[in-house]
């Protein structure tokens, strides 16, 4: 196996990013929003569970 197909694939990806920076930026912002939302909901639910456990006196 040679590295030629990988170089072609990477070259295509770099060309796409350089020719469509607004689209790539939008996708990055969308991914950041999704990850932030996941972490926010996770932290909220874990805090809620901890509050319930403290309220009932469970360890």
PDB file of N, CA and C in Angstrom:
ATOM      1  N   UNK A   1       0.839  -1.189   0.000  1.00  0.00           N
ATOM      2  CA  UNK A   1       0.000   0.000   0.000  1.00  0.00           C
ATOM      3  C   UNK A   1       0.878   1.244   0.000  1.00  0.00           C
ATOM      4  N   UNK A   2       0.476   2.187  -0.762  1.00  0.00           N
ATOM      5  CA  UNK A   2       1.222   3.444  -0.801  1.00  0.00           C
ATOM      6  C   UNK A   2       0.398   4.541  -0.143  1.00  0.00           C
ATOM      7  N   UNK A   3       1.040   5.664   0.104  1.00  0.00           N
ATOM      8  CA  UNK A   3       0.378   6.787   0.764  1.00  0.00           C
ATOM      9  C   UNK A   3      -0.330   7.696  -0.237  1.00  0.00           C
ATOM     10  N   UNK A   4      -0.293   7.375  -1.497  1.00  0.00           N
ATOM     11  CA  UNK A   4      -0.913   8.236  -2.509  1.00  0.00           C
ATOM     12  C   UNK A   4      -2.415   8.457  -2.310  1.00  0.00           C
ATOM     13  N   UNK A   5      -3.212   7.412  -2.057  1.00  0.00           N
ATOM     14  CA  UNK A   5      -4.650   7.668  -1.862  1.00  0.00           C
ATOM     15  C   UNK A   5      -4.927   8.558  -0.658  1.00  0.00           C
ATOM     16  N   UNK A   6      -4.141   8.381   0.413  1.00  0.00           N
ATOM     17  CA  UNK A   6      -4.320   9.214   1.598  1.00  0.00           C
ATOM     18  C   UNK A   6      -3.975  10.665   1.287  1.00  0.00           C
ATOM     19  N   UNK A   7      -2.901  10.875   0.524  1.00  0.00           N
ATOM     20  CA  UNK A   7      -2.525  12.237   0.152  1.00  0.00           C
ATOM     21  C   UNK A   7      -3.604  12.879  -0.707  1.00  0.00           C
ATOM     22  N   UNK A   8      -4.203  12.110  -1.596  1.00  0.00           N
ATOM     23  CA  UNK A   8      -5.274  12.641  -2.427  1.00  0.00           C
ATOM     24  C   UNK A   8      -6.490  13.008  -1.604  1.00  0.00           C
ATOM     25  N   UNK A   9      -6.827  12.170  -0.633  1.00  0.00           N
ATOM     26  CA  UNK A   9      -7.973  12.435   0.227  1.00  0.00           C
ATOM     27  C   UNK A   9      -7.736  13.668   1.089  1.00  0.00           C
ATOM     28  N   UNK A  10      -6.546  13.767   1.669  1.00  0.00           N
ATOM     29  CA  UNK A  10      -6.218  14.938   2.480  1.00  0.00           C
ATOM     30  C   UNK A  10      -6.174  16.207   1.636  1.00  0.00           C
ATOM     31  N   UNK A  11      -5.648  16.082   0.439  1.00  0.00           N
ATOM     32  CA  UNK A  11      -5.603  17.240  -0.459  1.00  0.00           C
ATOM     33  C   UNK A  11      -6.998  17.719  -0.819  1.00  0.00           C
ATOM     34  N   UNK A  12      -7.908  16.778  -1.058  1.00  0.00           N
ATOM     35  CA  UNK A  12      -9.294  17.152  -1.341  1.00  0.00           C
ATOM     36  C   UNK A  12      -9.945  17.829  -0.144  1.00  0.00           C
ATOM     37  N   UNK A  13      -9.666  17.315   1.048  1.00  0.00           N
ATOM     38  CA  UNK A  13     -10.243  17.903   2.263  1.00  0.00           C
ATOM     39  C   UNK A  13      -9.714  19.321   2.476  1.00  0.00           C
ATOM     40  N   UNK A  14      -8.425  19.513   2.279  1.00  0.00           N
ATOM     41  CA  UNK A  14      -7.841  20.851   2.442  1.00  0.00           C
ATOM     42  C   UNK A  14      -8.407  21.808   1.404  1.00  0.00           C
ATOM     43  N   UNK A  15      -8.560  21.352   0.182  1.00  0.00           N
ATOM     44  CA  UNK A  15      -9.159  22.194  -0.863  1.00  0.00           C
ATOM     45  C   UNK A  15     -10.587  22.588  -0.497  1.00  0.00           C
ATOM     46  N   UNK A  16     -11.359  21.638   0.043  1.00  0.00           N
ATOM     47  CA  UNK A  16     -12.735  21.931   0.427  1.00  0.00           C
ATOM     48  C   UNK A  16     -12.783  22.985   1.523  1.00  0.00           C
ATOM     49  N   UNK A  17     -11.904  22.842   2.538  1.00  0.00           N
ATOM     50  CA  UNK A  17     -11.885  23.803   3.650  1.00  0.00           C
ATOM     51  C   UNK A  17     -11.479  25.187   3.150  1.00  0.00           C
ATOM     52  N   UNK A  18     -10.508  25.236   2.269  1.00  0.00           N
ATOM     53  CA  UNK A  18     -10.038  26.533   1.782  1.00  0.00           C
ATOM     54  C   UNK A  18     -11.038  27.202   0.849  1.00  0.00           C
ATOM     55  N   UNK A  19     -11.829  26.426   0.131  1.00  0.00           N
ATOM     56  CA  UNK A  19     -12.788  27.028  -0.794  1.00  0.00           C
ATOM     57  C   UNK A  19     -14.127  27.322  -0.132  1.00  0.00           C
ATOM     58  N   UNK A  20     -14.425  26.708   1.023  1.00  0.00           N
ATOM     59  CA  UNK A  20     -15.704  26.915   1.703  1.00  0.00           C
ATOM     60  C   UNK A  20     -15.498  27.246   3.183  1.00  0.00           C
ATOM     61  N   UNK A  21     -14.827  28.340   3.510  1.00  0.00           N
ATOM     62  CA  UNK A  21     -14.540  28.604   4.924  1.00  0.00           C
ATOM     63  C   UNK A  21     -15.790  28.941   5.740  1.00  0.00           C
ATOM     64  N   UNK A  22     -16.787  29.558   5.121  1.00  0.00           N
ATOM     65  CA  UNK A  22     -18.003  29.914   5.861  1.00  0.00           C
ATOM     66  C   UNK A  22     -18.775  28.650   6.242  1.00  0.00           C
ATOM     67  N   UNK A  23     -18.900  27.721   5.311  1.00  0.00           N
ATOM     68  CA  UNK A  23     -19.592  26.462   5.593  1.00  0.00           C
ATOM     69  C   UNK A  23     -18.869  25.675   6.675  1.00  0.00           C
ATOM     70  N   UNK A  24     -17.559  25.598   6.585  1.00  0.00           N
ATOM     71  CA  UNK A  24     -16.769  24.858   7.582  1.00  0.00           C
ATOM     72  C   UNK A  24     -16.901  25.528   8.949  1.00  0.00           C
ATOM     73  N   UNK A  25     -16.867  26.843   8.988  1.00  0.00           N
ATOM     74  CA  UNK A  25     -17.050  27.562  10.250  1.00  0.00           C
ATOM     75  C   UNK A  25     -18.423  27.305  10.846  1.00  0.00           C
ATOM     76  N   UNK A  26     -19.442  27.275   9.997  1.00  0.00           N
ATOM     77  CA  UNK A  26     -20.796  26.987  10.465  1.00  0.00           C
ATOM     78  C   UNK A  26     -20.887  25.587  11.049  1.00  0.00           C
ATOM     79  N   UNK A  27     -20.279  24.614  10.405  1.00  0.00           N
ATOM     80  CA  UNK A  27     -20.291  23.238  10.906  1.00  0.00           C
ATOM     81  C   UNK A  27     -19.555  23.151  12.243  1.00  0.00           C
ATOM     82  N   UNK A  28     -18.435  23.836  12.366  1.00  0.00           N
ATOM     83  CA  UNK A  28     -17.679  23.827  13.624  1.00  0.00           C
ATOM     84  C   UNK A  28     -18.515  24.455  14.734  1.00  0.00           C
ATOM     85  N   UNK A  29     -19.169  25.578  14.464  1.00  0.00           N
ATOM     86  CA  UNK A  29     -20.020  26.214  15.471  1.00  0.00           C
ATOM     87  C   UNK A  29     -21.183  25.316  15.860  1.00  0.00           C
ATOM     88  N   UNK A  30     -21.758  24.625  14.903  1.00  0.00           N
ATOM     89  CA  UNK A  30     -22.856  23.707  15.187  1.00  0.00           C
ATOM     90  C   UNK A  30     -22.387  22.554  16.086  1.00  0.00           C
ATOM     91  N   UNK A  31     -21.223  22.003  15.797  1.00  0.00           N
ATOM     92  CA  UNK A  31     -20.679  20.937  16.632  1.00  0.00           C
ATOM     93  C   UNK A  31     -20.364  21.431  18.050  1.00  0.00           C
ATOM     94  N   UNK A  32     -19.813  22.625  18.157  1.00  0.00           N
ATOM     95  CA  UNK A  32     -19.536  23.188  19.479  1.00  0.00           C
ATOM     96  C   UNK A  32     -20.829  23.379  20.260  1.00  0.00           C
ATOM     97  N   UNK A  33     -21.877  23.843  19.607  1.00  0.00           N
ATOM     98  CA  UNK A  33     -23.170  24.030  20.264  1.00  0.00           C
ATOM     99  C   UNK A  33     -23.729  22.698  20.760  1.00  0.00           C
ATOM    100  N   UNK A  34     -23.621  21.660  19.939  1.00  0.00           N
ATOM    101  CA  UNK A  34     -24.125  20.336  20.333  1.00  0.00           C
ATOM    102  C   UNK A  34     -23.340  19.804  21.527  1.00  0.00           C
ATOM    103  N   UNK A  35     -22.027  19.898  21.508  1.00  0.00           N
ATOM    104  CA  UNK A  35     -21.226  19.415  22.630  1.00  0.00           C
ATOM    105  C   UNK A  35     -21.486  20.227  23.892  1.00  0.00           C
ATOM    106  N   UNK A  36     -21.613  21.547  23.759  1.00  0.00           N
ATOM    107  CA  UNK A  36     -21.927  22.392  24.918  1.00  0.00           C
ATOM    108  C   UNK A  36     -23.287  22.012  25.485  1.00  0.00           C
ATOM    109  N   UNK A  37     -24.267  21.794  24.625  1.00  0.00           N
ATOM    110  CA  UNK A  37     -25.596  21.399  25.088  1.00  0.00           C
ATOM    111  C   UNK A  37     -25.563  20.076  25.815  1.00  0.00           C
ATOM    112  N   UNK A  38     -24.830  19.109  25.287  1.00  0.00           N
ATOM    113  CA  UNK A  38     -24.692  17.803  25.947  1.00  0.00           C
ATOM    114  C   UNK A  38     -24.085  17.959  27.330  1.00  0.00           C
ATOM    115  N   UNK A  39     -22.987  18.710  27.429  1.00  0.00           N
ATOM    116  CA  UNK A  39     -22.328  18.879  28.718  1.00  0.00           C
ATOM    117  C   UNK A  39     -23.211  19.638  29.702  1.00  0.00           C
ATOM    118  N   UNK A  40     -23.959  20.623  29.214  1.00  0.00           N
ATOM    119  CA  UNK A  40     -24.852  21.399  30.068  1.00  0.00           C
ATOM    120  C   UNK A  40     -25.971  20.518  30.634  1.00  0.00           C
ATOM    121  N   UNK A  41     -26.594  19.729  29.769  1.00  0.00           N
ATOM    122  CA  UNK A  41     -27.672  18.847  30.213  1.00  0.00           C
ATOM    123  C   UNK A  41     -27.130  17.786  31.165  1.00  0.00           C
ATOM    124  N   UNK A  42     -25.975  17.243  30.857  1.00  0.00           N
ATOM    125  CA  UNK A  42     -25.378  16.222  31.726  1.00  0.00           C
ATOM    126  C   UNK A  42     -25.098  16.785  33.104  1.00  0.00           C
ATOM    127  N   UNK A  43     -24.521  17.994  33.160  1.00  0.00           N
ATOM    128  CA  UNK A  43     -24.213  18.610  34.448  1.00  0.00           C
ATOM    129  C   UNK A  43     -25.496  18.910  35.226  1.00  0.00           C
ATOM    130  N   UNK A  44     -26.516  19.366  34.527  1.00  0.00           N
ATOM    131  CA  UNK A  44     -27.787  19.668  35.179  1.00  0.00           C
ATOM    132  C   UNK A  44     -28.411  18.408  35.769  1.00  0.00           C
ATOM    133  N   UNK A  45     -28.449  17.324  35.007  1.00  0.00           N
ATOM    134  CA  UNK A  45     -29.062  16.091  35.493  1.00  0.00           C
ATOM    135  C   UNK A  45     -28.264  15.466  36.628  1.00  0.00           C
ATOM    136  N   UNK A  46     -26.942  15.530  36.549  1.00  0.00           N
ATOM    137  CA  UNK A  46     -26.130  14.996  37.645  1.00  0.00           C
ATOM    138  C   UNK A  46     -26.328  15.816  38.919  1.00  0.00           C
ATOM    139  N   UNK A  47     -26.427  17.131  38.792  1.00  0.00           N
ATOM    140  CA  UNK A  47     -26.688  17.978  39.954  1.00  0.00           C
ATOM    141  C   UNK A  47     -28.064  17.723  40.529  1.00  0.00           C
ATOM    142  N   UNK A  48     -29.042  17.479  39.661  1.00  0.00           N
ATOM    143  CA  UNK A  48     -30.389  17.174  40.115  1.00  0.00           C
ATOM    144  C   UNK A  48     -30.414  15.861  40.895  1.00  0.00           C
ATOM    145  N   UNK A  49     -29.730  14.867  40.384  1.00  0.00           N
ATOM    146  CA  UNK A  49     -29.667  13.578  41.080  1.00  0.00           C
ATOM    147  C   UNK A  49     -28.965  13.729  42.430  1.00  0.00           C
ATOM    148  N   UNK A  50     -27.887  14.491  42.451  1.00  0.00           N
ATOM    149  CA  UNK A  50     -27.176  14.708  43.713  1.00  0.00           C
ATOM    150  C   UNK A  50     -28.078  15.428  44.715  1.00  0.00           C
ATOM    151  N   UNK A  51     -28.859  16.369  44.250  1.00  0.00           N
ATOM    152  CA  UNK A  51     -29.789  17.075  45.129  1.00  0.00           C
ATOM    153  C   UNK A  51     -30.860  16.151  45.687  1.00  0.00           C
ATOM    154  N   UNK A  52     -31.391  15.280  44.839  1.00  0.00           N
ATOM    155  CA  UNK A  52     -32.377  14.318  45.326  1.00  0.00           C
ATOM    156  C   UNK A  52     -31.761  13.377  46.359  1.00  0.00           C
ATOM    157  N   UNK A  53     -30.552  12.908  46.081  1.00  0.00           N
ATOM    158  CA  UNK A  53     -29.886  12.008  47.020  1.00  0.00           C
ATOM    159  C   UNK A  53     -29.627  12.697  48.347  1.00  0.00           C
ATOM    160  N   UNK A  54     -29.193  13.953  48.322  1.00  0.00           N
ATOM    161  CA  UNK A  54     -28.963  14.698  49.565  1.00  0.00           C
ATOM    162  C   UNK A  54     -30.268  14.938  50.311  1.00  0.00           C
ATOM    163  N   UNK A  55     -31.336  15.183  49.579  1.00  0.00           N
ATOM    164  CA  UNK A  55     -32.626  15.426  50.210  1.00  0.00           C
ATOM    165  C   UNK A  55     -33.175  14.206  50.905  1.00  0.00           C
ATOM    166  N   UNK A  56     -32.939  13.038  50.369  1.00  0.00           N
ATOM    167  CA  UNK A  56     -33.424  11.812  50.985  1.00  0.00           C
ATOM    168  C   UNK A  56     -32.412  11.200  51.958  1.00  0.00           C
ATOM    169  N   UNK A  57     -31.244  11.806  52.083  1.00  0.00           N
ATOM    170  CA  UNK A  57     -30.236  11.346  53.025  1.00  0.00           C
ATOM    171  C   UNK A  57     -29.479  10.113  52.543  1.00  0.00           C
ATOM    172  N   UNK A  58     -29.467   9.887  51.260  1.00  0.00           N
ATOM    173  CA  UNK A  58     -28.729   8.742  50.727  1.00  0.00           C
ATOM    174  C   UNK A  58     -27.276   9.132  50.481  1.00  0.00           C
ATOM    175  N   UNK A  59     -26.427   8.169  50.534  1.00  0.00           N
ATOM    176  CA  UNK A  59     -25.012   8.432  50.262  1.00  0.00           C
ATOM    177  C   UNK A  59     -24.702   8.189  48.828  1.00  0.00           C
TER     178      UNK A  59
END
